Every structure is written in structure tokens, then in C-alpha cells.
Amino acid sequence: MIATQLGTHFFQVRAAAIFISQGAVLLHRLEGDTFWSLPGGRVEPGEDAATTVVREMREELGQNVVCGPLSYVVENFFTARGKPHHEIGFYFQASFLEDSPLLDPARTHAGVEGARALEFKWFPLDDSLANLDVRPSFLRTSLLQPLPHFRHVVQREG
């Protein structure tokens, strides 16, 4: 994975999927975390970001997905576990295959990241998203708008 300590910052490259279905967006969180984010993971050396999205969904959920167009490149600066992070994120529109059980918005879906559990849940694309701890935080309002053809975002938190 492309993740390393560079001086005072932990640097990583991440690819994430924007799944929107039936007026809801799929978010996930790692066991023990209090915040939600778009599903995805770190890019491997020599791997393009779209391939990362497909690989991560297969590893975490056992699901094949279709990775669509790139919507955002996000330069995300944040603090996690007391350490400053610098993350470059590629956020793609994506979809599940028609017969995927993940398309059921009434259920919480279980996944796995290494030895830790992941929780996947659909959230309505309405004003209630603004009250949810979603990271990076620009997603709380951006997801309520039509997805852009492409947008570059610099997000600085904490």
C-alpha cells in the first residue's frame, strides 16, 4: 500500500467509491470508529486507483463492483490518533451488480478490514447527512448535490 511516514506527517494514497442508490449513499466505518466515510482503501504500488476500488470491495465485502467516472481528487489534511495525516484521495462513482445483497438499504452490512470488522450502511441523501460525522466533512454537503464530472478539493481539518 502507498502509505508512509514523511517527516511529521503520515502520507497515504486512497481510492474510494461513491455508491448512490434509491436516494441514499453507502458509507462505512471501522469497528471502534465514531465517524463514517466512503468505502475504499489504500492504493497499492503499481495499481491504478479505479482498480483499487474494485479490489477493496472484493476484499472487504466479497462483492464485484463496477467503477465509474472519477468525481473528486481530494487533498485531505487531518489528525488521526494524534498524528497529522496528508492523504490524496480519488473518489469514483461506482455501482454494485444488480443482484448484490448490498443494494438492500434497510440492512446494515458487515465487512472486514484485516482482522477488524467494518459496518456498511445506507444513509438518505437529505439534510440529516449534515448531522452525521462524515469524513472528509465536505461530503456532508457535496453528496447532496449532483455528482460533478470532476472536482479538486483541498480539505483541512484539525
N, C-alpha and C. Protein backbone atom coordinates (compact mmCIF):
# COMPACT_ATOMS: atom_id res chain seq x y z
N MET A 1 0.83 -1.17 0.00
CA MET A 1 0.00 0.00 0.00
C MET A 1 0.88 1.24 0.00
N ILE A 2 0.37 2.30 -0.58
CA ILE A 2 1.12 3.55 -0.60
C ILE A 2 0.76 4.32 0.67
N ALA A 3 1.59 4.12 1.70
CA ALA A 3 1.38 4.74 3.00
C ALA A 3 2.72 4.75 3.71
N THR A 4 3.15 5.94 4.16
CA THR A 4 4.45 6.05 4.80
C THR A 4 4.52 7.28 5.68
N GLN A 5 5.43 7.25 6.61
CA GLN A 5 5.69 8.42 7.44
C GLN A 5 6.65 9.33 6.68
N LEU A 6 6.27 10.59 6.48
CA LEU A 6 7.12 11.57 5.82
C LEU A 6 7.29 12.76 6.74
N GLY A 7 8.40 12.83 7.41
CA GLY A 7 8.60 13.90 8.38
C GLY A 7 7.59 13.80 9.49
N THR A 8 6.83 14.87 9.69
CA THR A 8 5.83 14.88 10.77
C THR A 8 4.48 14.32 10.34
N HIS A 9 4.30 14.05 9.04
CA HIS A 9 3.00 13.62 8.52
C HIS A 9 3.03 12.16 8.08
N PHE A 10 1.88 11.49 8.30
CA PHE A 10 1.67 10.17 7.72
C PHE A 10 1.02 10.43 6.35
N PHE A 11 1.62 9.91 5.29
CA PHE A 11 1.14 10.14 3.93
C PHE A 11 0.55 8.85 3.37
N GLN A 12 -0.61 8.99 2.70
CA GLN A 12 -1.23 7.82 2.07
C GLN A 12 -2.01 8.23 0.83
N VAL A 13 -2.18 7.26 -0.08
CA VAL A 13 -2.99 7.45 -1.27
C VAL A 13 -4.17 6.50 -1.13
N ARG A 14 -5.38 7.04 -1.25
CA ARG A 14 -6.61 6.27 -1.03
C ARG A 14 -7.53 6.39 -2.23
N ALA A 15 -8.24 5.33 -2.51
CA ALA A 15 -9.30 5.34 -3.53
C ALA A 15 -10.60 4.94 -2.86
N ALA A 16 -11.68 5.65 -3.21
CA ALA A 16 -12.97 5.40 -2.55
C ALA A 16 -14.09 5.36 -3.58
N ALA A 17 -15.16 4.68 -3.20
CA ALA A 17 -16.32 4.51 -4.07
C ALA A 17 -17.49 5.33 -3.56
N ILE A 18 -18.17 5.99 -4.48
CA ILE A 18 -19.41 6.70 -4.16
C ILE A 18 -20.55 5.85 -4.72
N PHE A 19 -21.19 5.09 -3.83
CA PHE A 19 -22.34 4.27 -4.22
C PHE A 19 -23.60 5.05 -3.87
N ILE A 20 -24.41 5.37 -4.86
CA ILE A 20 -25.68 6.04 -4.62
C ILE A 20 -26.78 5.18 -5.25
N SER A 21 -27.80 4.87 -4.44
CA SER A 21 -28.91 4.06 -4.91
C SER A 21 -30.16 4.42 -4.13
N GLN A 22 -31.27 4.54 -4.82
CA GLN A 22 -32.56 4.80 -4.19
C GLN A 22 -32.52 6.00 -3.24
N GLY A 23 -31.81 7.05 -3.65
CA GLY A 23 -31.76 8.27 -2.84
C GLY A 23 -30.92 8.15 -1.59
N ALA A 24 -29.99 7.20 -1.56
CA ALA A 24 -29.13 7.01 -0.39
C ALA A 24 -27.69 6.78 -0.84
N VAL A 25 -26.76 7.04 0.09
CA VAL A 25 -25.34 6.83 -0.17
C VAL A 25 -24.83 5.77 0.82
N LEU A 26 -23.95 4.91 0.34
CA LEU A 26 -23.37 3.87 1.20
C LEU A 26 -22.10 4.40 1.86
N LEU A 27 -22.09 4.35 3.19
CA LEU A 27 -20.92 4.74 3.97
C LEU A 27 -20.47 3.56 4.82
N HIS A 28 -19.24 3.65 5.30
CA HIS A 28 -18.75 2.58 6.17
C HIS A 28 -17.92 3.16 7.30
N ARG A 29 -17.75 2.34 8.35
CA ARG A 29 -16.86 2.72 9.44
C ARG A 29 -16.20 1.46 10.00
N LEU A 30 -15.00 1.67 10.48
CA LEU A 30 -14.22 0.60 11.07
C LEU A 30 -14.66 0.40 12.51
N GLU A 31 -14.67 -0.83 12.95
CA GLU A 31 -15.02 -1.15 14.33
C GLU A 31 -14.25 -0.24 15.29
N GLY A 32 -14.98 0.42 16.19
CA GLY A 32 -14.37 1.31 17.16
C GLY A 32 -14.35 2.77 16.75
N ASP A 33 -14.54 3.04 15.45
CA ASP A 33 -14.58 4.44 14.99
C ASP A 33 -15.96 5.02 15.21
N THR A 34 -16.02 6.33 15.37
CA THR A 34 -17.30 7.02 15.56
C THR A 34 -17.74 7.75 14.30
N PHE A 35 -16.87 7.83 13.30
CA PHE A 35 -17.18 8.57 12.08
C PHE A 35 -17.39 7.61 10.91
N TRP A 36 -18.04 8.13 9.86
CA TRP A 36 -18.33 7.37 8.65
C TRP A 36 -17.51 7.94 7.49
N SER A 37 -17.23 7.11 6.50
CA SER A 37 -16.53 7.57 5.31
C SER A 37 -16.99 6.74 4.11
N LEU A 38 -16.57 7.17 2.94
CA LEU A 38 -16.85 6.39 1.74
C LEU A 38 -16.03 5.11 1.77
N PRO A 39 -16.59 4.00 1.32
CA PRO A 39 -15.83 2.75 1.30
C PRO A 39 -14.66 2.86 0.33
N GLY A 40 -13.57 2.22 0.69
CA GLY A 40 -12.39 2.21 -0.17
C GLY A 40 -11.18 1.77 0.62
N GLY A 41 -10.02 2.12 0.12
CA GLY A 41 -8.80 1.74 0.81
C GLY A 41 -7.57 2.30 0.12
N ARG A 42 -6.43 1.90 0.63
CA ARG A 42 -5.16 2.42 0.13
C ARG A 42 -4.78 1.77 -1.20
N VAL A 43 -4.22 2.59 -2.05
CA VAL A 43 -3.75 2.15 -3.36
C VAL A 43 -2.43 1.40 -3.17
N GLU A 44 -2.27 0.30 -3.89
CA GLU A 44 -1.03 -0.47 -3.88
C GLU A 44 -0.07 0.10 -4.92
N PRO A 45 1.25 0.00 -4.69
CA PRO A 45 2.21 0.45 -5.71
C PRO A 45 1.96 -0.26 -7.04
N GLY A 46 1.94 0.50 -8.13
CA GLY A 46 1.71 -0.07 -9.45
C GLY A 46 0.25 -0.30 -9.79
N GLU A 47 -0.66 0.03 -8.88
CA GLU A 47 -2.09 -0.18 -9.07
C GLU A 47 -2.76 1.16 -9.35
N ASP A 48 -3.63 1.20 -10.37
CA ASP A 48 -4.38 2.43 -10.59
C ASP A 48 -5.53 2.50 -9.58
N ALA A 49 -6.00 3.72 -9.34
CA ALA A 49 -6.98 3.95 -8.28
C ALA A 49 -8.32 3.26 -8.55
N ALA A 50 -8.76 3.19 -9.81
CA ALA A 50 -10.02 2.51 -10.12
C ALA A 50 -9.93 1.02 -9.78
N THR A 51 -8.79 0.42 -10.06
CA THR A 51 -8.59 -1.00 -9.72
C THR A 51 -8.60 -1.19 -8.21
N THR A 52 -8.10 -0.20 -7.47
CA THR A 52 -8.13 -0.27 -6.01
C THR A 52 -9.56 -0.37 -5.50
N VAL A 53 -10.46 0.43 -6.07
CA VAL A 53 -11.86 0.40 -5.65
C VAL A 53 -12.44 -1.00 -5.84
N VAL A 54 -12.22 -1.59 -6.99
CA VAL A 54 -12.74 -2.93 -7.28
C VAL A 54 -12.13 -3.95 -6.32
N ARG A 55 -10.81 -3.90 -6.11
CA ARG A 55 -10.14 -4.84 -5.23
C ARG A 55 -10.63 -4.70 -3.78
N GLU A 56 -10.72 -3.47 -3.30
CA GLU A 56 -11.14 -3.25 -1.92
C GLU A 56 -12.56 -3.77 -1.65
N MET A 57 -13.47 -3.57 -2.59
CA MET A 57 -14.85 -4.04 -2.39
C MET A 57 -14.90 -5.57 -2.42
N ARG A 58 -14.03 -6.18 -3.22
CA ARG A 58 -13.97 -7.64 -3.22
C ARG A 58 -13.39 -8.15 -1.90
N GLU A 59 -12.33 -7.48 -1.40
CA GLU A 59 -11.70 -7.90 -0.15
C GLU A 59 -12.60 -7.64 1.06
N GLU A 60 -13.22 -6.47 1.12
CA GLU A 60 -13.98 -6.08 2.31
C GLU A 60 -15.39 -6.64 2.35
N LEU A 61 -16.00 -6.82 1.17
CA LEU A 61 -17.40 -7.23 1.11
C LEU A 61 -17.65 -8.51 0.33
N GLY A 62 -16.64 -8.99 -0.38
CA GLY A 62 -16.83 -10.16 -1.23
C GLY A 62 -17.72 -9.85 -2.42
N GLN A 63 -17.75 -8.58 -2.85
CA GLN A 63 -18.64 -8.15 -3.93
C GLN A 63 -17.85 -7.63 -5.13
N ASN A 64 -18.33 -7.96 -6.32
CA ASN A 64 -17.80 -7.36 -7.53
C ASN A 64 -18.57 -6.07 -7.77
N VAL A 65 -17.85 -5.03 -8.16
CA VAL A 65 -18.46 -3.73 -8.42
C VAL A 65 -17.97 -3.20 -9.75
N VAL A 66 -18.68 -2.22 -10.24
CA VAL A 66 -18.28 -1.51 -11.45
C VAL A 66 -17.81 -0.13 -11.01
N CYS A 67 -16.58 0.20 -11.35
CA CYS A 67 -16.02 1.50 -11.00
C CYS A 67 -16.27 2.44 -12.17
N GLY A 68 -16.97 3.53 -11.90
CA GLY A 68 -17.32 4.50 -12.93
C GLY A 68 -16.37 5.68 -12.96
N PRO A 69 -16.89 6.84 -13.39
CA PRO A 69 -16.03 8.01 -13.56
C PRO A 69 -15.52 8.59 -12.24
N LEU A 70 -14.37 9.22 -12.33
CA LEU A 70 -13.76 9.92 -11.21
C LEU A 70 -14.54 11.21 -10.96
N SER A 71 -14.97 11.42 -9.71
CA SER A 71 -15.70 12.64 -9.36
C SER A 71 -14.85 13.64 -8.60
N TYR A 72 -13.98 13.16 -7.72
CA TYR A 72 -13.18 14.05 -6.89
C TYR A 72 -11.75 13.56 -6.78
N VAL A 73 -10.81 14.50 -6.75
CA VAL A 73 -9.47 14.27 -6.23
C VAL A 73 -9.39 15.15 -4.99
N VAL A 74 -9.11 14.52 -3.85
CA VAL A 74 -9.19 15.22 -2.57
C VAL A 74 -7.81 15.22 -1.90
N GLU A 75 -7.33 16.41 -1.60
CA GLU A 75 -6.14 16.55 -0.78
C GLU A 75 -6.65 16.74 0.64
N ASN A 76 -6.53 15.72 1.44
CA ASN A 76 -7.15 15.69 2.76
C ASN A 76 -6.07 15.77 3.84
N PHE A 77 -6.15 16.81 4.67
CA PHE A 77 -5.21 17.01 5.77
C PHE A 77 -6.01 16.88 7.07
N PHE A 78 -5.63 15.94 7.91
CA PHE A 78 -6.39 15.70 9.13
C PHE A 78 -5.49 15.09 10.20
N THR A 79 -6.00 15.02 11.41
CA THR A 79 -5.28 14.39 12.51
C THR A 79 -6.04 13.14 12.91
N ALA A 80 -5.32 12.04 13.02
CA ALA A 80 -5.90 10.76 13.47
C ALA A 80 -4.95 10.14 14.48
N ARG A 81 -5.52 9.70 15.58
CA ARG A 81 -4.74 9.11 16.66
C ARG A 81 -3.59 10.03 17.08
N GLY A 82 -3.89 11.35 17.05
CA GLY A 82 -2.92 12.35 17.50
C GLY A 82 -1.81 12.67 16.51
N LYS A 83 -1.88 12.12 15.30
CA LYS A 83 -0.82 12.35 14.31
C LYS A 83 -1.37 13.03 13.07
N PRO A 84 -0.63 14.01 12.53
CA PRO A 84 -1.08 14.67 11.30
C PRO A 84 -0.96 13.74 10.09
N HIS A 85 -2.00 13.77 9.26
CA HIS A 85 -2.05 12.95 8.05
C HIS A 85 -2.19 13.85 6.82
N HIS A 86 -1.63 13.38 5.73
CA HIS A 86 -1.78 14.01 4.41
C HIS A 86 -2.19 12.87 3.48
N GLU A 87 -3.42 12.96 2.99
CA GLU A 87 -3.99 11.89 2.16
C GLU A 87 -4.39 12.46 0.81
N ILE A 88 -4.02 11.75 -0.24
CA ILE A 88 -4.52 12.05 -1.57
C ILE A 88 -5.59 11.01 -1.87
N GLY A 89 -6.81 11.46 -2.13
CA GLY A 89 -7.93 10.54 -2.36
C GLY A 89 -8.53 10.70 -3.74
N PHE A 90 -8.81 9.57 -4.36
CA PHE A 90 -9.51 9.52 -5.65
C PHE A 90 -10.88 8.91 -5.39
N TYR A 91 -11.95 9.70 -5.61
CA TYR A 91 -13.31 9.27 -5.29
C TYR A 91 -14.08 9.05 -6.60
N PHE A 92 -14.46 7.80 -6.83
CA PHE A 92 -15.12 7.38 -8.06
C PHE A 92 -16.59 7.09 -7.83
N GLN A 93 -17.42 7.38 -8.81
CA GLN A 93 -18.77 6.87 -8.82
C GLN A 93 -18.66 5.36 -9.07
N ALA A 94 -19.48 4.58 -8.39
CA ALA A 94 -19.40 3.13 -8.52
C ALA A 94 -20.79 2.52 -8.35
N SER A 95 -20.91 1.28 -8.78
CA SER A 95 -22.20 0.59 -8.63
C SER A 95 -21.97 -0.89 -8.35
N PHE A 96 -22.95 -1.47 -7.66
CA PHE A 96 -22.95 -2.91 -7.43
C PHE A 96 -23.65 -3.60 -8.59
N LEU A 97 -23.41 -4.88 -8.74
CA LEU A 97 -24.14 -5.65 -9.74
C LEU A 97 -25.60 -5.74 -9.31
N GLU A 98 -26.51 -5.91 -10.25
CA GLU A 98 -27.95 -5.84 -9.98
C GLU A 98 -28.43 -6.81 -8.91
N ASP A 99 -27.78 -7.97 -8.77
CA ASP A 99 -28.23 -8.98 -7.81
C ASP A 99 -27.51 -8.88 -6.46
N SER A 100 -26.76 -7.82 -6.23
CA SER A 100 -25.98 -7.69 -5.00
C SER A 100 -26.89 -7.50 -3.78
N PRO A 101 -26.65 -8.25 -2.70
CA PRO A 101 -27.41 -8.04 -1.46
C PRO A 101 -27.09 -6.69 -0.82
N LEU A 102 -26.01 -6.05 -1.24
CA LEU A 102 -25.64 -4.75 -0.69
C LEU A 102 -26.60 -3.65 -1.12
N LEU A 103 -27.43 -3.91 -2.10
CA LEU A 103 -28.39 -2.91 -2.57
C LEU A 103 -29.60 -2.77 -1.67
N ASP A 104 -29.69 -3.60 -0.64
CA ASP A 104 -30.80 -3.52 0.32
C ASP A 104 -30.54 -2.40 1.32
N PRO A 105 -31.24 -1.27 1.18
CA PRO A 105 -30.95 -0.11 2.05
C PRO A 105 -31.47 -0.28 3.48
N ALA A 106 -32.27 -1.29 3.72
CA ALA A 106 -32.84 -1.47 5.06
C ALA A 106 -31.89 -2.21 6.00
N ARG A 107 -30.86 -2.81 5.45
CA ARG A 107 -29.95 -3.62 6.26
C ARG A 107 -28.63 -2.90 6.50
N THR A 108 -28.00 -3.22 7.62
CA THR A 108 -26.60 -2.88 7.85
C THR A 108 -25.80 -4.08 7.37
N HIS A 109 -24.75 -3.82 6.65
CA HIS A 109 -23.96 -4.89 6.03
C HIS A 109 -22.61 -4.99 6.72
N ALA A 110 -22.15 -6.21 6.93
CA ALA A 110 -20.87 -6.45 7.60
C ALA A 110 -19.78 -6.69 6.57
N GLY A 111 -18.61 -6.15 6.89
CA GLY A 111 -17.43 -6.36 6.07
C GLY A 111 -16.24 -6.57 6.97
N VAL A 112 -15.06 -6.67 6.37
CA VAL A 112 -13.86 -6.90 7.15
C VAL A 112 -12.68 -6.15 6.54
N GLU A 113 -11.86 -5.59 7.43
CA GLU A 113 -10.61 -4.92 7.05
C GLU A 113 -9.52 -5.57 7.88
N GLY A 114 -8.80 -6.53 7.27
CA GLY A 114 -7.82 -7.30 8.04
C GLY A 114 -8.55 -8.09 9.10
N ALA A 115 -8.19 -7.86 10.36
CA ALA A 115 -8.83 -8.57 11.47
C ALA A 115 -9.95 -7.77 12.10
N ARG A 116 -10.21 -6.56 11.58
CA ARG A 116 -11.24 -5.70 12.19
C ARG A 116 -12.52 -5.69 11.37
N ALA A 117 -13.62 -5.57 12.08
CA ALA A 117 -14.94 -5.56 11.44
C ALA A 117 -15.22 -4.18 10.85
N LEU A 118 -15.93 -4.19 9.73
CA LEU A 118 -16.43 -2.97 9.09
C LEU A 118 -17.95 -3.02 9.08
N GLU A 119 -18.56 -1.87 9.26
CA GLU A 119 -20.01 -1.73 9.18
C GLU A 119 -20.33 -0.86 7.97
N PHE A 120 -21.19 -1.36 7.08
CA PHE A 120 -21.62 -0.62 5.90
C PHE A 120 -23.10 -0.31 6.05
N LYS A 121 -23.46 0.94 5.78
CA LYS A 121 -24.85 1.35 5.98
C LYS A 121 -25.23 2.42 4.95
N TRP A 122 -26.47 2.33 4.47
CA TRP A 122 -27.01 3.34 3.56
C TRP A 122 -27.60 4.49 4.36
N PHE A 123 -27.30 5.72 3.94
CA PHE A 123 -27.84 6.92 4.59
C PHE A 123 -28.59 7.74 3.55
N PRO A 124 -29.78 8.24 3.91
CA PRO A 124 -30.54 9.05 2.95
C PRO A 124 -29.78 10.31 2.56
N LEU A 125 -29.90 10.66 1.30
CA LEU A 125 -29.29 11.89 0.80
C LEU A 125 -30.25 13.05 1.06
N ASP A 126 -30.28 13.47 2.32
CA ASP A 126 -31.13 14.60 2.71
C ASP A 126 -30.41 15.41 3.79
N ASP A 127 -31.10 16.35 4.38
CA ASP A 127 -30.48 17.25 5.35
C ASP A 127 -29.92 16.53 6.57
N SER A 128 -30.38 15.31 6.86
CA SER A 128 -29.88 14.58 8.02
C SER A 128 -28.39 14.24 7.88
N LEU A 129 -27.90 14.21 6.66
CA LEU A 129 -26.48 13.93 6.42
C LEU A 129 -25.60 15.00 7.07
N ALA A 130 -26.10 16.22 7.17
CA ALA A 130 -25.33 17.32 7.76
C ALA A 130 -25.04 17.08 9.24
N ASN A 131 -25.85 16.26 9.90
CA ASN A 131 -25.66 15.98 11.33
C ASN A 131 -24.85 14.72 11.59
N LEU A 132 -24.42 14.06 10.54
CA LEU A 132 -23.66 12.82 10.66
C LEU A 132 -22.17 13.15 10.60
N ASP A 133 -21.36 12.47 11.40
CA ASP A 133 -19.91 12.66 11.36
C ASP A 133 -19.37 11.89 10.16
N VAL A 134 -19.28 12.58 9.03
CA VAL A 134 -18.77 12.01 7.79
C VAL A 134 -17.43 12.69 7.51
N ARG A 135 -16.45 11.88 7.14
CA ARG A 135 -15.13 12.43 6.85
C ARG A 135 -14.65 11.95 5.49
N PRO A 136 -14.03 12.85 4.72
CA PRO A 136 -13.86 14.27 4.99
C PRO A 136 -15.20 15.00 5.01
N SER A 137 -15.25 16.07 5.80
CA SER A 137 -16.51 16.73 6.11
C SER A 137 -17.17 17.41 4.91
N PHE A 138 -16.42 17.73 3.86
CA PHE A 138 -17.06 18.38 2.70
C PHE A 138 -18.12 17.47 2.08
N LEU A 139 -18.04 16.17 2.32
CA LEU A 139 -19.00 15.22 1.75
C LEU A 139 -20.41 15.43 2.29
N ARG A 140 -20.54 15.95 3.50
CA ARG A 140 -21.88 16.16 4.10
C ARG A 140 -22.76 17.03 3.22
N THR A 141 -22.18 18.01 2.56
CA THR A 141 -22.96 18.87 1.67
C THR A 141 -22.77 18.50 0.21
N SER A 142 -21.57 18.09 -0.17
CA SER A 142 -21.29 17.78 -1.59
C SER A 142 -22.11 16.59 -2.10
N LEU A 143 -22.35 15.61 -1.23
CA LEU A 143 -23.12 14.44 -1.67
C LEU A 143 -24.59 14.78 -1.92
N LEU A 144 -25.05 15.90 -1.41
CA LEU A 144 -26.44 16.31 -1.63
C LEU A 144 -26.63 16.98 -3.00
N GLN A 145 -25.53 17.28 -3.66
CA GLN A 145 -25.56 17.90 -4.99
C GLN A 145 -25.34 16.83 -6.05
N PRO A 146 -25.74 17.09 -7.29
CA PRO A 146 -25.40 16.13 -8.35
C PRO A 146 -23.88 15.94 -8.39
N LEU A 147 -23.46 14.70 -8.59
CA LEU A 147 -22.02 14.43 -8.60
C LEU A 147 -21.36 15.17 -9.75
N PRO A 148 -20.23 15.81 -9.46
CA PRO A 148 -19.55 16.56 -10.51
C PRO A 148 -18.87 15.63 -11.50
N HIS A 149 -18.65 16.17 -12.70
CA HIS A 149 -17.84 15.42 -13.66
C HIS A 149 -16.45 15.24 -13.09
N PHE A 150 -15.93 16.30 -12.47
CA PHE A 150 -14.65 16.23 -11.77
C PHE A 150 -14.49 17.47 -10.91
N ARG A 151 -13.98 17.27 -9.70
CA ARG A 151 -13.74 18.40 -8.80
C ARG A 151 -12.50 18.12 -7.96
N HIS A 152 -11.64 19.11 -7.82
CA HIS A 152 -10.46 19.02 -6.96
C HIS A 152 -10.80 19.71 -5.65
N VAL A 153 -10.58 19.03 -4.52
CA VAL A 153 -10.93 19.56 -3.21
C VAL A 153 -9.69 19.52 -2.31
N VAL A 154 -9.45 20.61 -1.60
CA VAL A 154 -8.44 20.63 -0.54
C VAL A 154 -9.20 20.79 0.77
N GLN A 155 -9.11 19.77 1.64
CA GLN A 155 -9.83 19.73 2.91
C GLN A 155 -8.82 19.76 4.04
N ARG A 156 -8.92 20.76 4.92
CA ARG A 156 -8.04 20.83 6.09
C ARG A 156 -8.90 20.77 7.34
N GLU A 157 -8.68 19.71 8.14
CA GLU A 157 -9.43 19.53 9.38
C GLU A 157 -8.46 19.37 10.53
N GLY A 158 -8.73 20.04 11.63
CA GLY A 158 -7.92 19.88 12.85
C GLY A 158 -6.54 20.30 12.69
